[in-house]
Amino acid sequence: MNIENSSVIKIENATVDFEEGMVGNIKTYKFDTSKGGHPMVNAMAGLAVLKVDEQLIMINHCAPSGLFPKIEAEFDFAHQELPNGLTQIVFTRKPDATSSTDFSATSCSGGCD
């Protein structure tokens, strides 16, 4: 997904740069950990700032299966393999979910889907 009018921003606790911009009329954050940068740490950092009606796009070498159980009560997510072999995961906050995610839980015991 291409982000229009994007700018690079710093997200607290992130180890990679994030982009912020618009995809259509949806405020979007995007980061890429396909070449390094602690996928779990950056996913949790990005999810911590995500509001309802916004989305977070993660580009990674695989779908981080260890992340999904940690966030599924509060966030929806969908992943797809890209033509270049990388995986794109799009996260959105569930409108009626209570804040239950422990954003400091950045250790990963899972692998890839």
Protein backbone atom coordinates (compact mmCIF):
# COMPACT_ATOMS: atom_id res chain seq x y z
CA MET A 1 0.00 0.00 0.00
CA ASN A 2 1.33 3.40 -0.92
CA ILE A 3 0.91 6.13 1.63
CA GLU A 4 0.09 9.56 0.22
CA ASN A 5 1.67 12.70 1.68
CA SER A 6 3.80 10.58 3.97
CA SER A 7 6.44 11.81 6.34
CA VAL A 8 8.91 9.94 8.51
CA ILE A 9 8.08 10.09 12.20
CA LYS A 10 9.61 8.72 15.38
CA ILE A 11 7.49 6.43 17.53
CA GLU A 12 8.45 5.96 21.17
CA ASN A 13 10.28 2.65 21.79
CA ALA A 14 10.54 1.88 18.05
CA THR A 15 13.84 0.77 16.53
CA VAL A 16 12.94 1.69 12.94
CA ASP A 17 11.45 4.77 11.32
CA PHE A 18 7.72 4.91 10.77
CA GLU A 19 5.88 6.64 7.95
CA GLU A 20 2.69 8.56 8.65
CA GLY A 21 0.26 9.60 5.93
CA MET A 22 -3.01 8.71 4.28
CA VAL A 23 -4.29 5.71 2.35
CA GLY A 24 -7.50 7.06 0.87
CA ASN A 25 -9.17 8.76 3.82
CA ILE A 26 -7.55 6.54 6.49
CA LYS A 27 -4.69 7.84 8.60
CA THR A 28 -1.97 5.23 8.22
CA TYR A 29 1.29 4.37 9.93
CA LYS A 30 3.76 2.05 8.23
CA PHE A 31 7.03 0.42 9.16
CA ASP A 32 9.33 -2.17 7.61
CA THR A 33 11.22 -4.75 9.64
CA SER A 34 11.95 -7.09 6.74
CA LYS A 35 15.67 -6.31 6.95
CA GLY A 36 15.92 -6.08 10.75
CA GLY A 37 14.71 -3.91 13.55
CA HIS A 38 12.91 -6.17 16.06
CA PRO A 39 9.45 -6.88 14.58
CA MET A 40 7.68 -7.42 17.94
CA VAL A 41 9.13 -4.26 19.50
CA ASN A 42 8.10 -2.13 16.54
CA ALA A 43 4.67 -3.69 16.15
CA MET A 44 3.85 -3.03 19.81
CA ALA A 45 5.21 0.53 19.58
CA GLY A 46 3.05 1.23 16.52
CA LEU A 47 -0.06 -0.42 17.94
CA ALA A 48 0.26 1.67 21.11
CA VAL A 49 -0.38 4.88 19.14
CA LEU A 50 -3.11 3.49 16.87
CA LYS A 51 -6.59 4.95 17.30
CA VAL A 52 -9.93 3.65 16.02
CA ASP A 53 -10.33 4.48 12.30
CA GLU A 54 -6.55 4.41 11.75
CA GLN A 55 -4.40 1.57 10.45
CA LEU A 56 -0.89 0.28 10.93
CA ILE A 57 0.94 -1.50 8.12
CA MET A 58 3.85 -3.77 8.94
CA ILE A 59 6.19 -5.14 6.28
CA ASN A 60 8.12 -8.15 7.52
CA HIS A 61 9.84 -11.28 6.21
CA CYS A 62 6.90 -13.33 7.57
CA ALA A 63 3.62 -13.06 9.49
CA PRO A 64 4.64 -12.84 13.18
CA SER A 65 2.49 -15.60 14.67
CA GLY A 66 3.73 -14.88 18.20
CA LEU A 67 2.29 -11.36 18.03
CA PHE A 68 -1.28 -12.23 17.08
CA PRO A 69 -2.42 -13.91 20.34
CA LYS A 70 -1.06 -10.95 22.33
CA ILE A 71 -3.21 -8.40 20.48
CA GLU A 72 -6.28 -10.23 19.17
CA ALA A 73 -8.64 -8.98 21.91
CA GLU A 74 -8.03 -5.36 20.94
CA PHE A 75 -6.93 -5.39 17.28
CA ASP A 76 -8.01 -6.90 13.99
CA PHE A 77 -5.29 -7.88 11.53
CA ALA A 78 -4.94 -9.34 8.08
CA HIS A 79 -1.79 -10.50 6.38
CA GLN A 80 -0.87 -11.30 2.82
CA GLU A 81 2.26 -12.34 1.01
CA LEU A 82 3.56 -9.67 -1.35
CA PRO A 83 4.93 -10.43 -4.84
CA ASN A 84 8.47 -9.81 -3.56
CA GLY A 85 8.11 -12.61 -0.97
CA LEU A 86 7.65 -10.31 2.02
CA THR A 87 4.51 -10.22 4.16
CA GLN A 88 2.27 -7.21 4.74
CA ILE A 89 0.16 -7.11 7.89
CA VAL A 90 -2.56 -4.47 8.29
CA PHE A 91 -3.75 -3.78 11.83
CA THR A 92 -6.82 -1.85 12.97
CA ARG A 93 -8.14 -1.22 16.46
CA LYS A 94 -11.48 -2.87 17.23
CA PRO A 95 -14.04 -0.08 17.85
CA ASP A 96 -15.59 -1.59 20.99
CA ALA A 97 -12.52 -3.26 22.47
CA THR A 98 -11.24 -2.29 25.87
CA SER A 99 -7.58 -1.42 26.23
CA SER A 100 -6.17 -4.77 27.25
CA THR A 101 -2.93 -5.12 25.29
CA ASP A 102 0.33 -5.17 27.22
CA PHE A 103 2.45 -3.10 24.84
CA SER A 104 5.58 -3.94 26.82
CA ALA A 105 5.19 -7.66 25.96
CA THR A 106 7.73 -7.62 23.16
CA SER A 107 9.31 -11.03 23.58
CA CYS A 108 8.39 -13.50 20.88
CA SER A 109 7.97 -17.19 21.46
CA GLY A 110 6.34 -17.78 18.10
CA GLY A 111 7.74 -17.94 14.65
CA CYS A 112 6.23 -17.30 11.29
CA ASP A 113 2.87 -18.36 9.93
